[in-house]
Amino acid sequence: MVEGLEMICFQIISNVGAARSSYIEAIQKAKTGDFDGAAQCMEAGQKQFLAGHEAHFELIQKEAAGEPVGGSLILVHAEDQLMSAESFKIIAEEMIASYRRIVELEKKLAD
């Protein structure tokens, strides 16, 4: 089971790490006014996050069914990365909305 647990943990870490990177890239694109690019990055990040979340949910289901999953530093790291990516998503959504408002206000001021 350890090998299976480690594999699932690495799936979580890999997917949610990529999601977090996509969310950061979305913020950077929004900062330059590329809101279409930001939306694409957010969509890609959401797909990556869901893949990681599904792997995490698989572990939860196993444990809920009475199958011992075990604990490890890798699992703790995977869960930390999962929560970090979710937080970055929320921050990215808020920052993109703020940058959108800034651009709209700048356009009004220029008129």
N, C-alpha and C. Protein backbone atom coordinates (compact mmCIF):
# COMPACT_ATOMS: atom_id res chain seq x y z
N MET A 1 0.82 -1.21 0.00
CA MET A 1 0.00 0.00 0.00
C MET A 1 0.86 1.26 0.00
N VAL A 2 2.04 1.18 0.60
CA VAL A 2 2.89 2.37 0.67
C VAL A 2 3.19 2.90 -0.73
N GLU A 3 3.53 2.00 -1.64
CA GLU A 3 3.82 2.45 -3.00
C GLU A 3 2.59 3.11 -3.62
N GLY A 4 1.40 2.52 -3.37
CA GLY A 4 0.17 3.12 -3.89
C GLY A 4 -0.10 4.47 -3.27
N LEU A 5 0.13 4.58 -1.96
CA LEU A 5 -0.07 5.85 -1.27
C LEU A 5 0.89 6.90 -1.80
N GLU A 6 2.14 6.52 -1.94
CA GLU A 6 3.13 7.47 -2.45
C GLU A 6 2.77 7.94 -3.86
N MET A 7 2.31 7.02 -4.69
CA MET A 7 1.95 7.38 -6.07
C MET A 7 0.79 8.38 -6.07
N ILE A 8 -0.22 8.12 -5.25
CA ILE A 8 -1.35 9.05 -5.18
C ILE A 8 -0.90 10.40 -4.66
N CYS A 9 -0.02 10.40 -3.66
CA CYS A 9 0.49 11.66 -3.12
C CYS A 9 1.23 12.46 -4.18
N PHE A 10 2.05 11.77 -4.96
CA PHE A 10 2.78 12.47 -6.01
C PHE A 10 1.84 12.96 -7.11
N GLN A 11 0.75 12.25 -7.36
CA GLN A 11 -0.25 12.74 -8.31
C GLN A 11 -0.87 14.04 -7.79
N ILE A 12 -1.18 14.05 -6.51
CA ILE A 12 -1.75 15.26 -5.91
C ILE A 12 -0.76 16.41 -6.02
N ILE A 13 0.48 16.18 -5.58
CA ILE A 13 1.50 17.23 -5.57
C ILE A 13 1.73 17.76 -6.97
N SER A 14 1.86 16.87 -7.94
CA SER A 14 2.12 17.28 -9.32
C SER A 14 0.98 18.11 -9.90
N ASN A 15 -0.24 17.61 -9.75
CA ASN A 15 -1.38 18.30 -10.33
C ASN A 15 -1.67 19.64 -9.67
N VAL A 16 -1.68 19.67 -8.35
CA VAL A 16 -2.01 20.93 -7.70
C VAL A 16 -0.87 21.93 -7.79
N GLY A 17 0.38 21.44 -7.91
CA GLY A 17 1.50 22.35 -8.15
C GLY A 17 1.37 23.03 -9.50
N ALA A 18 0.98 22.25 -10.50
CA ALA A 18 0.75 22.83 -11.83
C ALA A 18 -0.42 23.80 -11.80
N ALA A 19 -1.46 23.46 -11.04
CA ALA A 19 -2.62 24.36 -10.92
C ALA A 19 -2.20 25.68 -10.30
N ARG A 20 -1.43 25.61 -9.23
CA ARG A 20 -0.98 26.84 -8.56
C ARG A 20 -0.16 27.70 -9.53
N SER A 21 0.70 27.07 -10.30
CA SER A 21 1.48 27.81 -11.30
C SER A 21 0.57 28.47 -12.33
N SER A 22 -0.48 27.78 -12.75
CA SER A 22 -1.44 28.36 -13.70
C SER A 22 -2.15 29.56 -13.10
N TYR A 23 -2.50 29.48 -11.83
CA TYR A 23 -3.18 30.59 -11.16
C TYR A 23 -2.25 31.81 -11.06
N ILE A 24 -0.99 31.56 -10.76
CA ILE A 24 -0.02 32.66 -10.68
C ILE A 24 0.15 33.29 -12.06
N GLU A 25 0.24 32.46 -13.08
CA GLU A 25 0.36 32.97 -14.45
C GLU A 25 -0.87 33.78 -14.84
N ALA A 26 -2.04 33.36 -14.38
CA ALA A 26 -3.28 34.10 -14.66
C ALA A 26 -3.21 35.50 -14.07
N ILE A 27 -2.70 35.61 -12.86
CA ILE A 27 -2.56 36.93 -12.23
C ILE A 27 -1.62 37.79 -13.05
N GLN A 28 -0.50 37.22 -13.49
CA GLN A 28 0.47 37.98 -14.27
C GLN A 28 -0.14 38.45 -15.59
N LYS A 29 -0.93 37.60 -16.23
CA LYS A 29 -1.58 38.00 -17.49
C LYS A 29 -2.61 39.10 -17.24
N ALA A 30 -3.37 38.98 -16.17
CA ALA A 30 -4.36 40.02 -15.85
C ALA A 30 -3.68 41.34 -15.57
N LYS A 31 -2.54 41.30 -14.93
CA LYS A 31 -1.80 42.52 -14.60
C LYS A 31 -1.42 43.29 -15.86
N THR A 32 -1.19 42.57 -16.97
CA THR A 32 -0.84 43.23 -18.22
C THR A 32 -2.07 43.53 -19.08
N GLY A 33 -3.27 43.20 -18.56
CA GLY A 33 -4.50 43.46 -19.29
C GLY A 33 -4.94 42.33 -20.19
N ASP A 34 -4.24 41.20 -20.15
CA ASP A 34 -4.60 40.04 -20.98
C ASP A 34 -5.61 39.18 -20.23
N PHE A 35 -6.86 39.62 -20.23
CA PHE A 35 -7.89 38.92 -19.45
C PHE A 35 -8.32 37.61 -20.11
N ASP A 36 -8.24 37.53 -21.43
CA ASP A 36 -8.53 36.25 -22.10
C ASP A 36 -7.47 35.22 -21.72
N GLY A 37 -6.22 35.63 -21.74
CA GLY A 37 -5.14 34.73 -21.34
C GLY A 37 -5.27 34.32 -19.88
N ALA A 38 -5.67 35.28 -19.04
CA ALA A 38 -5.88 34.97 -17.62
C ALA A 38 -6.98 33.94 -17.45
N ALA A 39 -8.05 34.09 -18.20
CA ALA A 39 -9.16 33.13 -18.12
C ALA A 39 -8.72 31.74 -18.56
N GLN A 40 -7.89 31.68 -19.61
CA GLN A 40 -7.39 30.40 -20.08
C GLN A 40 -6.52 29.73 -19.02
N CYS A 41 -5.68 30.52 -18.36
CA CYS A 41 -4.84 29.98 -17.30
C CYS A 41 -5.68 29.50 -16.12
N MET A 42 -6.71 30.25 -15.79
CA MET A 42 -7.59 29.83 -14.69
C MET A 42 -8.29 28.52 -15.04
N GLU A 43 -8.73 28.39 -16.28
CA GLU A 43 -9.40 27.17 -16.71
C GLU A 43 -8.44 25.98 -16.67
N ALA A 44 -7.22 26.18 -17.16
CA ALA A 44 -6.22 25.12 -17.11
C ALA A 44 -5.91 24.75 -15.66
N GLY A 45 -5.78 25.76 -14.82
CA GLY A 45 -5.52 25.52 -13.40
C GLY A 45 -6.63 24.74 -12.74
N GLN A 46 -7.86 25.06 -13.09
CA GLN A 46 -9.01 24.36 -12.50
C GLN A 46 -8.99 22.88 -12.88
N LYS A 47 -8.66 22.58 -14.13
CA LYS A 47 -8.58 21.18 -14.56
C LYS A 47 -7.49 20.43 -13.80
N GLN A 48 -6.34 21.09 -13.65
CA GLN A 48 -5.23 20.47 -12.92
C GLN A 48 -5.59 20.29 -11.45
N PHE A 49 -6.23 21.30 -10.87
CA PHE A 49 -6.62 21.22 -9.47
C PHE A 49 -7.60 20.07 -9.26
N LEU A 50 -8.57 19.94 -10.14
CA LEU A 50 -9.56 18.87 -10.01
C LEU A 50 -8.92 17.49 -10.08
N ALA A 51 -7.91 17.33 -10.93
CA ALA A 51 -7.20 16.05 -11.01
C ALA A 51 -6.53 15.73 -9.68
N GLY A 52 -5.91 16.73 -9.08
CA GLY A 52 -5.28 16.53 -7.77
C GLY A 52 -6.32 16.29 -6.68
N HIS A 53 -7.40 17.03 -6.75
CA HIS A 53 -8.47 16.88 -5.76
C HIS A 53 -9.09 15.48 -5.84
N GLU A 54 -9.28 14.98 -7.04
CA GLU A 54 -9.85 13.64 -7.22
C GLU A 54 -8.94 12.57 -6.61
N ALA A 55 -7.64 12.72 -6.80
CA ALA A 55 -6.69 11.77 -6.21
C ALA A 55 -6.77 11.84 -4.68
N HIS A 56 -6.89 13.03 -4.15
CA HIS A 56 -7.01 13.21 -2.69
C HIS A 56 -8.31 12.59 -2.20
N PHE A 57 -9.38 12.80 -2.93
CA PHE A 57 -10.68 12.26 -2.55
C PHE A 57 -10.66 10.73 -2.54
N GLU A 58 -9.88 10.17 -3.45
CA GLU A 58 -9.72 8.71 -3.49
C GLU A 58 -9.17 8.20 -2.16
N LEU A 59 -8.20 8.88 -1.60
CA LEU A 59 -7.65 8.49 -0.30
C LEU A 59 -8.69 8.62 0.80
N ILE A 60 -9.46 9.69 0.76
CA ILE A 60 -10.49 9.91 1.78
C ILE A 60 -11.53 8.79 1.71
N GLN A 61 -11.94 8.42 0.50
CA GLN A 61 -12.92 7.35 0.33
C GLN A 61 -12.39 6.02 0.88
N LYS A 62 -11.11 5.73 0.61
CA LYS A 62 -10.52 4.49 1.11
C LYS A 62 -10.53 4.46 2.63
N GLU A 63 -10.13 5.56 3.23
CA GLU A 63 -10.10 5.60 4.68
C GLU A 63 -11.50 5.52 5.27
N ALA A 64 -12.46 6.18 4.64
CA ALA A 64 -13.85 6.14 5.11
C ALA A 64 -14.43 4.73 5.01
N ALA A 65 -13.94 3.95 4.05
CA ALA A 65 -14.41 2.58 3.87
C ALA A 65 -13.71 1.61 4.83
N GLY A 66 -12.83 2.13 5.67
CA GLY A 66 -12.16 1.28 6.65
C GLY A 66 -10.80 0.78 6.22
N GLU A 67 -10.37 1.15 5.03
CA GLU A 67 -9.05 0.73 4.56
C GLU A 67 -8.00 1.69 5.13
N PRO A 68 -7.06 1.19 5.89
CA PRO A 68 -6.06 2.11 6.46
C PRO A 68 -5.20 2.72 5.36
N VAL A 69 -5.13 4.03 5.37
CA VAL A 69 -4.35 4.75 4.36
C VAL A 69 -2.95 5.01 4.90
N GLY A 70 -2.86 5.27 6.18
CA GLY A 70 -1.56 5.56 6.77
C GLY A 70 -1.23 7.03 6.63
N GLY A 71 -0.31 7.46 7.40
CA GLY A 71 0.11 8.86 7.35
C GLY A 71 1.58 8.92 7.00
N SER A 72 1.96 9.96 6.36
CA SER A 72 3.36 10.14 6.00
C SER A 72 3.62 11.60 5.75
N LEU A 73 4.88 11.94 5.77
CA LEU A 73 5.27 13.31 5.46
C LEU A 73 4.87 13.67 4.03
N ILE A 74 4.95 12.71 3.12
CA ILE A 74 4.55 12.96 1.73
C ILE A 74 3.06 13.29 1.66
N LEU A 75 2.24 12.57 2.42
CA LEU A 75 0.80 12.84 2.42
C LEU A 75 0.52 14.23 3.00
N VAL A 76 1.20 14.57 4.06
CA VAL A 76 1.02 15.89 4.66
C VAL A 76 1.42 16.97 3.64
N HIS A 77 2.52 16.75 2.95
CA HIS A 77 2.96 17.71 1.93
C HIS A 77 1.94 17.81 0.80
N ALA A 78 1.40 16.68 0.38
CA ALA A 78 0.40 16.68 -0.69
C ALA A 78 -0.83 17.48 -0.27
N GLU A 79 -1.29 17.28 0.96
CA GLU A 79 -2.45 18.02 1.43
C GLU A 79 -2.14 19.51 1.57
N ASP A 80 -0.93 19.83 1.98
CA ASP A 80 -0.52 21.23 2.08
C ASP A 80 -0.53 21.89 0.70
N GLN A 81 -0.03 21.18 -0.29
CA GLN A 81 -0.01 21.71 -1.65
C GLN A 81 -1.43 21.88 -2.19
N LEU A 82 -2.31 20.95 -1.85
CA LEU A 82 -3.71 21.02 -2.27
C LEU A 82 -4.35 22.30 -1.72
N MET A 83 -4.17 22.55 -0.44
CA MET A 83 -4.77 23.73 0.18
C MET A 83 -4.13 25.02 -0.34
N SER A 84 -2.83 24.97 -0.58
CA SER A 84 -2.14 26.14 -1.12
C SER A 84 -2.68 26.50 -2.51
N ALA A 85 -2.87 25.49 -3.34
CA ALA A 85 -3.40 25.75 -4.69
C ALA A 85 -4.81 26.31 -4.62
N GLU A 86 -5.61 25.79 -3.71
CA GLU A 86 -6.98 26.30 -3.58
C GLU A 86 -6.95 27.76 -3.14
N SER A 87 -6.06 28.09 -2.22
CA SER A 87 -5.93 29.49 -1.77
C SER A 87 -5.48 30.39 -2.91
N PHE A 88 -4.51 29.91 -3.70
CA PHE A 88 -4.05 30.71 -4.84
C PHE A 88 -5.17 30.95 -5.84
N LYS A 89 -6.03 29.96 -6.02
CA LYS A 89 -7.16 30.14 -6.95
C LYS A 89 -8.04 31.29 -6.48
N ILE A 90 -8.36 31.30 -5.21
CA ILE A 90 -9.22 32.35 -4.66
C ILE A 90 -8.54 33.71 -4.81
N ILE A 91 -7.27 33.77 -4.48
CA ILE A 91 -6.52 35.03 -4.61
C ILE A 91 -6.48 35.48 -6.07
N ALA A 92 -6.22 34.53 -6.98
CA ALA A 92 -6.15 34.87 -8.40
C ALA A 92 -7.47 35.42 -8.90
N GLU A 93 -8.58 34.80 -8.52
CA GLU A 93 -9.90 35.29 -8.95
C GLU A 93 -10.12 36.72 -8.46
N GLU A 94 -9.76 37.00 -7.23
CA GLU A 94 -9.94 38.35 -6.68
C GLU A 94 -9.02 39.35 -7.37
N MET A 95 -7.77 38.97 -7.60
CA MET A 95 -6.83 39.90 -8.24
C MET A 95 -7.22 40.19 -9.68
N ILE A 96 -7.67 39.17 -10.39
CA ILE A 96 -8.09 39.38 -11.78
C ILE A 96 -9.27 40.33 -11.82
N ALA A 97 -10.22 40.16 -10.92
CA ALA A 97 -11.36 41.08 -10.85
C ALA A 97 -10.89 42.49 -10.54
N SER A 98 -9.92 42.62 -9.66
CA SER A 98 -9.40 43.95 -9.31
C SER A 98 -8.69 44.59 -10.50
N TYR A 99 -7.85 43.81 -11.19
CA TYR A 99 -7.17 44.35 -12.37
C TYR A 99 -8.16 44.75 -13.45
N ARG A 100 -9.22 43.97 -13.60
CA ARG A 100 -10.25 44.30 -14.59
C ARG A 100 -10.88 45.66 -14.23
N ARG A 101 -11.17 45.87 -12.96
CA ARG A 101 -11.75 47.15 -12.52
C ARG A 101 -10.78 48.31 -12.75
N ILE A 102 -9.51 48.06 -12.49
CA ILE A 102 -8.50 49.10 -12.69
C ILE A 102 -8.45 49.51 -14.16
N VAL A 103 -8.43 48.53 -15.04
CA VAL A 103 -8.40 48.82 -16.49
C VAL A 103 -9.63 49.60 -16.90
N GLU A 104 -10.79 49.19 -16.40
CA GLU A 104 -12.03 49.91 -16.76
C GLU A 104 -12.01 51.34 -16.24
N LEU A 105 -11.51 51.53 -15.02
CA LEU A 105 -11.43 52.89 -14.47
C LEU A 105 -10.42 53.75 -15.24
N GLU A 106 -9.29 53.15 -15.61
CA GLU A 106 -8.30 53.89 -16.40
C GLU A 106 -8.88 54.33 -17.75
N LYS A 107 -9.68 53.46 -18.36
CA LYS A 107 -10.32 53.81 -19.63
C LYS A 107 -11.27 55.00 -19.43
N LYS A 108 -12.04 54.99 -18.34
CA LYS A 108 -12.97 56.09 -18.07
C LYS A 108 -12.22 57.39 -17.82
N LEU A 109 -11.11 57.30 -17.14
CA LEU A 109 -10.32 58.51 -16.87
C LEU A 109 -9.70 59.07 -18.14
N ALA A 110 -9.37 58.18 -19.08
CA ALA A 110 -8.76 58.63 -20.33
C ALA A 110 -9.75 59.30 -21.26
N ASP A 111 -11.04 59.02 -21.06
CA ASP A 111 -12.07 59.61 -21.95
C ASP A 111 -12.31 61.05 -21.67
